[in-house]
């Protein structure tokens, strides 16, 4: 992913609300599956890491990206933005 594409995705993510929250249970297989399904449906998602989660948001983002075969767009504070390119017919976001 180029810097121009990453900047474009960051701009799109600014207006989004987080659709998932990572709490004290951290990462479970069910949570990872739900993230995978959301990425397939939306391509770009925002995740919030709650204060009671003791894990580092950057490490969580990296782990989620590996498990879902997606890319980390950014991690700011306790917010994670992930992107996964959709299939040709399902493509919702056109990258520059």
PDB file of N, CA and C in Angstrom:
ATOM      1  N   UNK A   1       0.836  -1.172   0.000  1.00  0.00           N
ATOM      2  CA  UNK A   1       0.000   0.000   0.000  1.00  0.00           C
ATOM      3  C   UNK A   1       0.888   1.245   0.000  1.00  0.00           C
ATOM      4  N   UNK A   2       0.595   2.169  -0.894  1.00  0.00           N
ATOM      5  CA  UNK A   2       1.403   3.383  -0.983  1.00  0.00           C
ATOM      6  C   UNK A   2       0.970   4.393   0.079  1.00  0.00           C
ATOM      7  N   UNK A   3       1.777   5.411   0.276  1.00  0.00           N
ATOM      8  CA  UNK A   3       1.435   6.443   1.257  1.00  0.00           C
ATOM      9  C   UNK A   3       0.205   7.232   0.831  1.00  0.00           C
ATOM     10  N   UNK A   4       0.059   7.403  -0.456  1.00  0.00           N
ATOM     11  CA  UNK A   4      -1.116   8.119  -0.965  1.00  0.00           C
ATOM     12  C   UNK A   4      -2.397   7.319  -0.673  1.00  0.00           C
ATOM     13  N   UNK A   5      -2.335   6.020  -0.885  1.00  0.00           N
ATOM     14  CA  UNK A   5      -3.487   5.158  -0.605  1.00  0.00           C
ATOM     15  C   UNK A   5      -3.787   5.138   0.897  1.00  0.00           C
ATOM     16  N   UNK A   6      -2.732   5.055   1.709  1.00  0.00           N
ATOM     17  CA  UNK A   6      -2.907   5.043   3.165  1.00  0.00           C
ATOM     18  C   UNK A   6      -3.542   6.357   3.635  1.00  0.00           C
ATOM     19  N   UNK A   7      -3.093   7.474   3.081  1.00  0.00           N
ATOM     20  CA  UNK A   7      -3.654   8.778   3.451  1.00  0.00           C
ATOM     21  C   UNK A   7      -5.129   8.862   3.057  1.00  0.00           C
ATOM     22  N   UNK A   8      -5.476   8.328   1.901  1.00  0.00           N
ATOM     23  CA  UNK A   8      -6.867   8.314   1.438  1.00  0.00           C
ATOM     24  C   UNK A   8      -7.733   7.502   2.405  1.00  0.00           C
ATOM     25  N   UNK A   9      -7.243   6.326   2.801  1.00  0.00           N
ATOM     26  CA  UNK A   9      -7.990   5.476   3.727  1.00  0.00           C
ATOM     27  C   UNK A   9      -8.114   6.117   5.110  1.00  0.00           C
ATOM     28  N   UNK A  10      -7.072   6.821   5.557  1.00  0.00           N
ATOM     29  CA  UNK A  10      -7.141   7.524   6.836  1.00  0.00           C
ATOM     30  C   UNK A  10      -8.229   8.581   6.796  1.00  0.00           C
ATOM     31  N   UNK A  11      -8.323   9.272   5.663  1.00  0.00           N
ATOM     32  CA  UNK A  11      -9.360  10.289   5.494  1.00  0.00           C
ATOM     33  C   UNK A  11     -10.750   9.686   5.565  1.00  0.00           C
ATOM     34  N   UNK A  12     -10.943   8.534   4.940  1.00  0.00           N
ATOM     35  CA  UNK A  12     -12.239   7.856   5.001  1.00  0.00           C
ATOM     36  C   UNK A  12     -12.552   7.395   6.426  1.00  0.00           C
ATOM     37  N   UNK A  13     -11.535   6.935   7.130  1.00  0.00           N
ATOM     38  CA  UNK A  13     -11.731   6.381   8.469  1.00  0.00           C
ATOM     39  C   UNK A  13     -12.038   7.469   9.506  1.00  0.00           C
ATOM     40  N   UNK A  14     -11.635   8.696   9.232  1.00  0.00           N
ATOM     41  CA  UNK A  14     -11.869   9.775  10.202  1.00  0.00           C
ATOM     42  C   UNK A  14     -13.355   9.949  10.520  1.00  0.00           C
ATOM     43  N   UNK A  15     -14.206   9.761   9.539  1.00  0.00           N
ATOM     44  CA  UNK A  15     -15.635   9.987   9.743  1.00  0.00           C
ATOM     45  C   UNK A  15     -16.357   8.741  10.256  1.00  0.00           C
ATOM     46  N   UNK A  16     -15.658   7.623  10.309  1.00  0.00           N
ATOM     47  CA  UNK A  16     -16.280   6.363  10.740  1.00  0.00           C
ATOM     48  C   UNK A  16     -16.321   6.245  12.255  1.00  0.00           C
ATOM     49  N   UNK A  17     -17.324   5.519  12.735  1.00  0.00           N
ATOM     50  CA  UNK A  17     -17.380   5.154  14.149  1.00  0.00           C
ATOM     51  C   UNK A  17     -16.850   3.737  14.291  1.00  0.00           C
ATOM     52  N   UNK A  18     -16.225   3.411  15.437  1.00  0.00           N
ATOM     53  CA  UNK A  18     -15.754   2.042  15.641  1.00  0.00           C
ATOM     54  C   UNK A  18     -16.930   1.068  15.651  1.00  0.00           C
ATOM     55  N   UNK A  19     -16.771  -0.071  14.979  1.00  0.00           N
ATOM     56  CA  UNK A  19     -17.852  -1.063  14.962  1.00  0.00           C
ATOM     57  C   UNK A  19     -17.550  -2.245  15.880  1.00  0.00           C
ATOM     58  N   UNK A  20     -16.326  -2.309  16.402  1.00  0.00           N
ATOM     59  CA  UNK A  20     -15.951  -3.356  17.355  1.00  0.00           C
ATOM     60  C   UNK A  20     -15.201  -2.734  18.513  1.00  0.00           C
ATOM     61  N   UNK A  21     -15.265  -3.412  19.674  1.00  0.00           N
ATOM     62  CA  UNK A  21     -14.507  -2.989  20.842  1.00  0.00           C
ATOM     63  C   UNK A  21     -13.754  -4.194  21.389  1.00  0.00           C
ATOM     64  N   UNK A  22     -12.488  -3.973  21.699  1.00  0.00           N
ATOM     65  CA  UNK A  22     -11.687  -5.035  22.314  1.00  0.00           C
ATOM     66  C   UNK A  22     -11.619  -4.728  23.805  1.00  0.00           C
ATOM     67  N   UNK A  23     -12.109  -5.645  24.626  1.00  0.00           N
ATOM     68  CA  UNK A  23     -12.148  -5.439  26.068  1.00  0.00           C
ATOM     69  C   UNK A  23     -11.174  -6.330  26.802  1.00  0.00           C
ATOM     70  N   UNK A  24     -11.517  -6.646  28.054  1.00  0.00           N
ATOM     71  CA  UNK A  24     -10.592  -7.406  28.893  1.00  0.00           C
ATOM     72  C   UNK A  24     -10.380  -8.834  28.411  1.00  0.00           C
ATOM     73  N   UNK A  25     -11.310  -9.383  27.628  1.00  0.00           N
ATOM     74  CA  UNK A  25     -11.121 -10.733  27.088  1.00  0.00           C
ATOM     75  C   UNK A  25     -10.146 -10.743  25.920  1.00  0.00           C
ATOM     76  N   UNK A  26      -9.774  -9.571  25.473  1.00  0.00           N
ATOM     77  CA  UNK A  26      -8.843  -9.385  24.365  1.00  0.00           C
ATOM     78  C   UNK A  26      -9.328 -10.110  23.118  1.00  0.00           C
ATOM     79  N   UNK A  27      -8.484 -10.970  22.527  1.00  0.00           N
ATOM     80  CA  UNK A  27      -8.814 -11.591  21.242  1.00  0.00           C
ATOM     81  C   UNK A  27      -9.272 -13.029  21.437  1.00  0.00           C
ATOM     82  N   UNK A  28     -10.451 -13.321  20.921  1.00  0.00           N
ATOM     83  CA  UNK A  28     -10.959 -14.685  20.928  1.00  0.00           C
ATOM     84  C   UNK A  28     -11.147 -15.112  19.474  1.00  0.00           C
ATOM     85  N   UNK A  29     -11.214 -16.411  19.205  1.00  0.00           N
ATOM     86  CA  UNK A  29     -11.436 -16.861  17.827  1.00  0.00           C
ATOM     87  C   UNK A  29     -12.750 -16.319  17.243  1.00  0.00           C
ATOM     88  N   UNK A  30     -13.774 -16.192  18.080  1.00  0.00           N
ATOM     89  CA  UNK A  30     -15.061 -15.667  17.615  1.00  0.00           C
ATOM     90  C   UNK A  30     -14.928 -14.206  17.198  1.00  0.00           C
ATOM     91  N   UNK A  31     -14.163 -13.446  17.993  1.00  0.00           N
ATOM     92  CA  UNK A  31     -13.948 -12.030  17.692  1.00  0.00           C
ATOM     93  C   UNK A  31     -13.200 -11.878  16.371  1.00  0.00           C
ATOM     94  N   UNK A  32     -12.171 -12.690  16.178  1.00  0.00           N
ATOM     95  CA  UNK A  32     -11.399 -12.648  14.937  1.00  0.00           C
ATOM     96  C   UNK A  32     -12.286 -12.988  13.736  1.00  0.00           C
ATOM     97  N   UNK A  33     -13.173 -13.960  13.908  1.00  0.00           N
ATOM     98  CA  UNK A  33     -14.090 -14.347  12.824  1.00  0.00           C
ATOM     99  C   UNK A  33     -15.049 -13.203  12.497  1.00  0.00           C
ATOM    100  N   UNK A  34     -15.541 -12.522  13.520  1.00  0.00           N
ATOM    101  CA  UNK A  34     -16.446 -11.386  13.314  1.00  0.00           C
ATOM    102  C   UNK A  34     -15.735 -10.250  12.579  1.00  0.00           C
ATOM    103  N   UNK A  35     -14.477 -10.006  12.920  1.00  0.00           N
ATOM    104  CA  UNK A  35     -13.683  -8.981  12.235  1.00  0.00           C
ATOM    105  C   UNK A  35     -13.507  -9.362  10.767  1.00  0.00           C
ATOM    106  N   UNK A  36     -13.209 -10.636  10.521  1.00  0.00           N
ATOM    107  CA  UNK A  36     -13.027 -11.134   9.154  1.00  0.00           C
ATOM    108  C   UNK A  36     -14.291 -10.894   8.320  1.00  0.00           C
ATOM    109  N   UNK A  37     -15.447 -11.211   8.884  1.00  0.00           N
ATOM    110  CA  UNK A  37     -16.713 -11.022   8.177  1.00  0.00           C
ATOM    111  C   UNK A  37     -16.987  -9.545   7.904  1.00  0.00           C
ATOM    112  N   UNK A  38     -16.674  -8.692   8.880  1.00  0.00           N
ATOM    113  CA  UNK A  38     -16.883  -7.251   8.703  1.00  0.00           C
ATOM    114  C   UNK A  38     -15.968  -6.702   7.615  1.00  0.00           C
ATOM    115  N   UNK A  39     -14.724  -7.174   7.570  1.00  0.00           N
ATOM    116  CA  UNK A  39     -13.790  -6.730   6.530  1.00  0.00           C
ATOM    117  C   UNK A  39     -14.256  -7.172   5.148  1.00  0.00           C
ATOM    118  N   UNK A  40     -14.782  -8.384   5.059  1.00  0.00           N
ATOM    119  CA  UNK A  40     -15.292  -8.872   3.772  1.00  0.00           C
ATOM    120  C   UNK A  40     -16.472  -8.031   3.303  1.00  0.00           C
ATOM    121  N   UNK A  41     -17.298  -7.579   4.248  1.00  0.00           N
ATOM    122  CA  UNK A  41     -18.485  -6.804   3.897  1.00  0.00           C
ATOM    123  C   UNK A  41     -18.174  -5.334   3.630  1.00  0.00           C
ATOM    124  N   UNK A  42     -17.238  -4.745   4.412  1.00  0.00           N
ATOM    125  CA  UNK A  42     -17.021  -3.295   4.361  1.00  0.00           C
ATOM    126  C   UNK A  42     -15.687  -2.850   3.773  1.00  0.00           C
ATOM    127  N   UNK A  43     -14.686  -3.676   3.822  1.00  0.00           N
ATOM    128  CA  UNK A  43     -13.315  -3.401   3.391  1.00  0.00           C
ATOM    129  C   UNK A  43     -12.525  -2.544   4.388  1.00  0.00           C
ATOM    130  N   UNK A  44     -13.144  -1.532   4.988  1.00  0.00           N
ATOM    131  CA  UNK A  44     -12.450  -0.629   5.917  1.00  0.00           C
ATOM    132  C   UNK A  44     -13.231  -0.595   7.223  1.00  0.00           C
ATOM    133  N   UNK A  45     -12.575  -0.938   8.339  1.00  0.00           N
ATOM    134  CA  UNK A  45     -13.264  -0.918   9.629  1.00  0.00           C
ATOM    135  C   UNK A  45     -12.404  -0.235  10.684  1.00  0.00           C
ATOM    136  N   UNK A  46     -13.082   0.270  11.703  1.00  0.00           N
ATOM    137  CA  UNK A  46     -12.404   0.912  12.829  1.00  0.00           C
ATOM    138  C   UNK A  46     -12.760   0.122  14.086  1.00  0.00           C
ATOM    139  N   UNK A  47     -11.746  -0.117  14.917  1.00  0.00           N
ATOM    140  CA  UNK A  47     -11.913  -0.894  16.142  1.00  0.00           C
ATOM    141  C   UNK A  47     -11.417  -0.053  17.315  1.00  0.00           C
ATOM    142  N   UNK A  48     -12.147  -0.089  18.402  1.00  0.00           N
ATOM    143  CA  UNK A  48     -11.765   0.644  19.600  1.00  0.00           C
ATOM    144  C   UNK A  48     -11.233  -0.333  20.639  1.00  0.00           C
ATOM    145  N   UNK A  49     -10.115   0.015  21.277  1.00  0.00           N
ATOM    146  CA  UNK A  49      -9.555  -0.808  22.351  1.00  0.00           C
ATOM    147  C   UNK A  49      -9.944  -0.136  23.665  1.00  0.00           C
ATOM    148  N   UNK A  50     -10.691  -0.853  24.500  1.00  0.00           N
ATOM    149  CA  UNK A  50     -11.171  -0.275  25.754  1.00  0.00           C
ATOM    150  C   UNK A  50     -10.052  -0.157  26.784  1.00  0.00           C
ATOM    151  N   UNK A  51     -10.289   0.681  27.795  1.00  0.00           N
ATOM    152  CA  UNK A  51      -9.274   0.914  28.827  1.00  0.00           C
ATOM    153  C   UNK A  51      -8.967  -0.338  29.645  1.00  0.00           C
ATOM    154  N   UNK A  52      -9.960  -1.242  29.787  1.00  0.00           N
ATOM    155  CA  UNK A  52      -9.726  -2.440  30.598  1.00  0.00           C
ATOM    156  C   UNK A  52      -8.958  -3.525  29.847  1.00  0.00           C
ATOM    157  N   UNK A  53      -8.592  -3.291  28.595  1.00  0.00           N
ATOM    158  CA  UNK A  53      -7.762  -4.229  27.834  1.00  0.00           C
ATOM    159  C   UNK A  53      -6.292  -3.895  28.100  1.00  0.00           C
ATOM    160  N   UNK A  54      -5.561  -4.870  28.605  1.00  0.00           N
ATOM    161  CA  UNK A  54      -4.170  -4.628  29.002  1.00  0.00           C
ATOM    162  C   UNK A  54      -3.177  -4.777  27.848  1.00  0.00           C
ATOM    163  N   UNK A  55      -3.629  -5.236  26.681  1.00  0.00           N
ATOM    164  CA  UNK A  55      -2.733  -5.443  25.546  1.00  0.00           C
ATOM    165  C   UNK A  55      -2.450  -4.136  24.823  1.00  0.00           C
ATOM    166  N   UNK A  56      -1.306  -4.072  24.163  1.00  0.00           N
ATOM    167  CA  UNK A  56      -0.912  -2.900  23.394  1.00  0.00           C
ATOM    168  C   UNK A  56      -1.719  -2.836  22.087  1.00  0.00           C
ATOM    169  N   UNK A  57      -2.364  -1.700  21.790  1.00  0.00           N
ATOM    170  CA  UNK A  57      -3.161  -1.595  20.562  1.00  0.00           C
ATOM    171  C   UNK A  57      -2.371  -1.891  19.287  1.00  0.00           C
ATOM    172  N   UNK A  58      -1.091  -1.513  19.242  1.00  0.00           N
ATOM    173  CA  UNK A  58      -0.287  -1.781  18.047  1.00  0.00           C
ATOM    174  C   UNK A  58      -0.073  -3.281  17.839  1.00  0.00           C
ATOM    175  N   UNK A  59       0.179  -3.984  18.926  1.00  0.00           N
ATOM    176  CA  UNK A  59       0.351  -5.437  18.837  1.00  0.00           C
ATOM    177  C   UNK A  59      -0.958  -6.115  18.432  1.00  0.00           C
ATOM    178  N   UNK A  60      -2.069  -5.640  19.003  1.00  0.00           N
ATOM    179  CA  UNK A  60      -3.378  -6.189  18.640  1.00  0.00           C
ATOM    180  C   UNK A  60      -3.668  -5.961  17.166  1.00  0.00           C
ATOM    181  N   UNK A  61      -3.349  -4.770  16.670  1.00  0.00           N
ATOM    182  CA  UNK A  61      -3.588  -4.445  15.262  1.00  0.00           C
ATOM    183  C   UNK A  61      -2.781  -5.369  14.360  1.00  0.00           C
ATOM    184  N   UNK A  62      -1.516  -5.585  14.715  1.00  0.00           N
ATOM    185  CA  UNK A  62      -0.655  -6.456  13.919  1.00  0.00           C
ATOM    186  C   UNK A  62      -1.182  -7.888  13.929  1.00  0.00           C
ATOM    187  N   UNK A  63      -1.606  -8.351  15.083  1.00  0.00           N
ATOM    188  CA  UNK A  63      -2.120  -9.712  15.218  1.00  0.00           C
ATOM    189  C   UNK A  63      -3.412  -9.884  14.407  1.00  0.00           C
ATOM    190  N   UNK A  64      -4.302  -8.896  14.490  1.00  0.00           N
ATOM    191  CA  UNK A  64      -5.550  -8.957  13.720  1.00  0.00           C
ATOM    192  C   UNK A  64      -5.281  -8.944  12.225  1.00  0.00           C
ATOM    193  N   UNK A  65      -4.334  -8.109  11.801  1.00  0.00           N
ATOM    194  CA  UNK A  65      -4.004  -8.022  10.378  1.00  0.00           C
ATOM    195  C   UNK A  65      -3.480  -9.365   9.860  1.00  0.00           C
ATOM    196  N   UNK A  66      -2.636 -10.020  10.646  1.00  0.00           N
ATOM    197  CA  UNK A  66      -2.111 -11.323  10.232  1.00  0.00           C
ATOM    198  C   UNK A  66      -3.209 -12.371  10.159  1.00  0.00           C
ATOM    199  N   UNK A  67      -4.083 -12.387  11.160  1.00  0.00           N
ATOM    200  CA  UNK A  67      -5.132 -13.412  11.220  1.00  0.00           C
ATOM    201  C   UNK A  67      -6.197 -13.210  10.150  1.00  0.00           C
ATOM    202  N   UNK A  68      -6.468 -11.965   9.773  1.00  0.00           N
ATOM    203  CA  UNK A  68      -7.530 -11.693   8.801  1.00  0.00           C
ATOM    204  C   UNK A  68      -6.976 -11.405   7.408  1.00  0.00           C
ATOM    205  N   UNK A  69      -5.659 -11.458   7.262  1.00  0.00           N
ATOM    206  CA  UNK A  69      -4.993 -11.156   5.989  1.00  0.00           C
ATOM    207  C   UNK A  69      -5.373  -9.769   5.473  1.00  0.00           C
ATOM    208  N   UNK A  70      -5.378  -8.811   6.402  1.00  0.00           N
ATOM    209  CA  UNK A  70      -5.690  -7.421   6.057  1.00  0.00           C
ATOM    210  C   UNK A  70      -4.466  -6.559   6.320  1.00  0.00           C
ATOM    211  N   UNK A  71      -4.632  -5.241   6.169  1.00  0.00           N
ATOM    212  CA  UNK A  71      -3.522  -4.315   6.388  1.00  0.00           C
ATOM    213  C   UNK A  71      -3.906  -3.296   7.453  1.00  0.00           C
ATOM    214  N   UNK A  72      -2.945  -2.953   8.298  1.00  0.00           N
ATOM    215  CA  UNK A  72      -3.171  -1.920   9.307  1.00  0.00           C
ATOM    216  C   UNK A  72      -3.001  -0.574   8.615  1.00  0.00           C
ATOM    217  N   UNK A  73      -4.056   0.231   8.629  1.00  0.00           N
ATOM    218  CA  UNK A  73      -3.981   1.566   8.039  1.00  0.00           C
ATOM    219  C   UNK A  73      -3.352   2.514   9.050  1.00  0.00           C
ATOM    220  N   UNK A  74      -3.858   2.491  10.282  1.00  0.00           N
ATOM    221  CA  UNK A  74      -3.282   3.325  11.329  1.00  0.00           C
ATOM    222  C   UNK A  74      -3.715   2.841  12.703  1.00  0.00           C
ATOM    223  N   UNK A  75      -2.919   3.208  13.697  1.00  0.00           N
ATOM    224  CA  UNK A  75      -3.267   2.997  15.097  1.00  0.00           C
ATOM    225  C   UNK A  75      -3.016   4.326  15.787  1.00  0.00           C
ATOM    226  N   UNK A  76      -4.099   4.944  16.256  1.00  0.00           N
ATOM    227  CA  UNK A  76      -3.967   6.216  16.973  1.00  0.00           C
ATOM    228  C   UNK A  76      -4.567   6.018  18.352  1.00  0.00           C
ATOM    229  N   UNK A  77      -3.736   6.124  19.376  1.00  0.00           N
ATOM    230  CA  UNK A  77      -4.208   5.913  20.738  1.00  0.00           C
ATOM    231  C   UNK A  77      -4.785   4.524  20.878  1.00  0.00           C
ATOM    232  N   UNK A  78      -6.082   4.451  21.141  1.00  0.00           N
ATOM    233  CA  UNK A  78      -6.751   3.165  21.333  1.00  0.00           C
ATOM    234  C   UNK A  78      -7.688   2.847  20.168  1.00  0.00           C
ATOM    235  N   UNK A  79      -7.444   3.441  19.002  1.00  0.00           N
ATOM    236  CA  UNK A  79      -8.253   3.184  17.809  1.00  0.00           C
ATOM    237  C   UNK A  79      -7.393   2.496  16.749  1.00  0.00           C
ATOM    238  N   UNK A  80      -7.967   1.439  16.149  1.00  0.00           N
ATOM    239  CA  UNK A  80      -7.279   0.676  15.104  1.00  0.00           C
ATOM    240  C   UNK A  80      -8.117   0.763  13.837  1.00  0.00           C
ATOM    241  N   UNK A  81      -7.459   1.013  12.702  1.00  0.00           N
ATOM    242  CA  UNK A  81      -8.151   1.012  11.414  1.00  0.00           C
ATOM    243  C   UNK A  81      -7.518  -0.068  10.546  1.00  0.00           C
ATOM    244  N   UNK A  82      -8.359  -0.987  10.050  1.00  0.00           N
ATOM    245  CA  UNK A  82      -7.901  -2.083   9.194  1.00  0.00           C
ATOM    246  C   UNK A  82      -8.547  -1.983   7.822  1.00  0.00           C
ATOM    247  N   UNK A  83      -7.796  -2.411   6.799  1.00  0.00           N
ATOM    248  CA  UNK A  83      -8.313  -2.421   5.426  1.00  0.00           C
ATOM    249  C   UNK A  83      -7.997  -3.759   4.783  1.00  0.00           C
ATOM    250  N   UNK A  84      -8.986  -4.286   4.084  1.00  0.00           N
ATOM    251  CA  UNK A  84      -8.773  -5.497   3.300  1.00  0.00           C
ATOM    252  C   UNK A  84      -9.473  -5.302   1.967  1.00  0.00           C
ATOM    253  N   UNK A  85      -8.706  -5.397   0.896  1.00  0.00           N
ATOM    254  CA  UNK A  85      -9.267  -5.199  -0.442  1.00  0.00           C
ATOM    255  C   UNK A  85     -10.303  -6.269  -0.735  1.00  0.00           C
ATOM    256  N   UNK A  86     -11.461  -5.831  -1.233  1.00  0.00           N
ATOM    257  CA  UNK A  86     -12.544  -6.753  -1.539  1.00  0.00           C
ATOM    258  C   UNK A  86     -12.315  -7.458  -2.863  1.00  0.00           C
ATOM    259  N   UNK A  87     -13.120  -8.466  -3.094  1.00  0.00           N
ATOM    260  CA  UNK A  87     -13.086  -9.151  -4.387  1.00  0.00           C
ATOM    261  C   UNK A  87     -13.544  -8.171  -5.464  1.00  0.00           C
ATOM    262  N   UNK A  88     -13.237  -8.452  -6.730  1.00  0.00           N
ATOM    263  CA  UNK A  88     -13.537  -7.526  -7.821  1.00  0.00           C
ATOM    264  C   UNK A  88     -14.991  -7.062  -7.841  1.00  0.00           C
ATOM    265  N   UNK A  89     -15.922  -7.992  -7.707  1.00  0.00           N
ATOM    266  CA  UNK A  89     -17.334  -7.619  -7.805  1.00  0.00           C
ATOM    267  C   UNK A  89     -17.846  -6.930  -6.529  1.00  0.00           C
ATOM    268  N   UNK A  90     -17.159  -7.137  -5.409  1.00  0.00           N
ATOM    269  CA  UNK A  90     -17.592  -6.558  -4.132  1.00  0.00           C
ATOM    270  C   UNK A  90     -16.858  -5.273  -3.768  1.00  0.00           C
ATOM    271  N   UNK A  91     -16.004  -4.784  -4.634  1.00  0.00           N
ATOM    272  CA  UNK A  91     -15.150  -3.650  -4.310  1.00  0.00           C
ATOM    273  C   UNK A  91     -15.983  -2.393  -4.029  1.00  0.00           C
ATOM    274  N   UNK A  92     -15.831  -1.849  -2.825  1.00  0.00           N
ATOM    275  CA  UNK A  92     -16.575  -0.666  -2.435  1.00  0.00           C
ATOM    276  C   UNK A  92     -15.691   0.578  -2.424  1.00  0.00           C
ATOM    277  N   UNK A  93     -14.409   0.385  -2.146  1.00  0.00           N
ATOM    278  CA  UNK A  93     -13.486   1.520  -2.045  1.00  0.00           C
ATOM    279  C   UNK A  93     -12.503   1.473  -3.216  1.00  0.00           C
ATOM    280  N   UNK A  94     -12.458   2.552  -3.969  1.00  0.00           N
ATOM    281  CA  UNK A  94     -11.509   2.667  -5.080  1.00  0.00           C
ATOM    282  C   UNK A  94     -10.282   3.438  -4.596  1.00  0.00           C
ATOM    283  N   UNK A  95      -9.160   2.760  -4.509  1.00  0.00           N
ATOM    284  CA  UNK A  95      -7.927   3.423  -4.072  1.00  0.00           C
ATOM    285  C   UNK A  95      -7.331   4.241  -5.189  1.00  0.00           C
ATOM    286  N   UNK A  96      -6.740   5.396  -4.847  1.00  0.00           N
ATOM    287  CA  UNK A  96      -6.092   6.215  -5.894  1.00  0.00           C
ATOM    288  C   UNK A  96      -4.850   5.565  -6.451  1.00  0.00           C
TER     289      UNK A  96
END
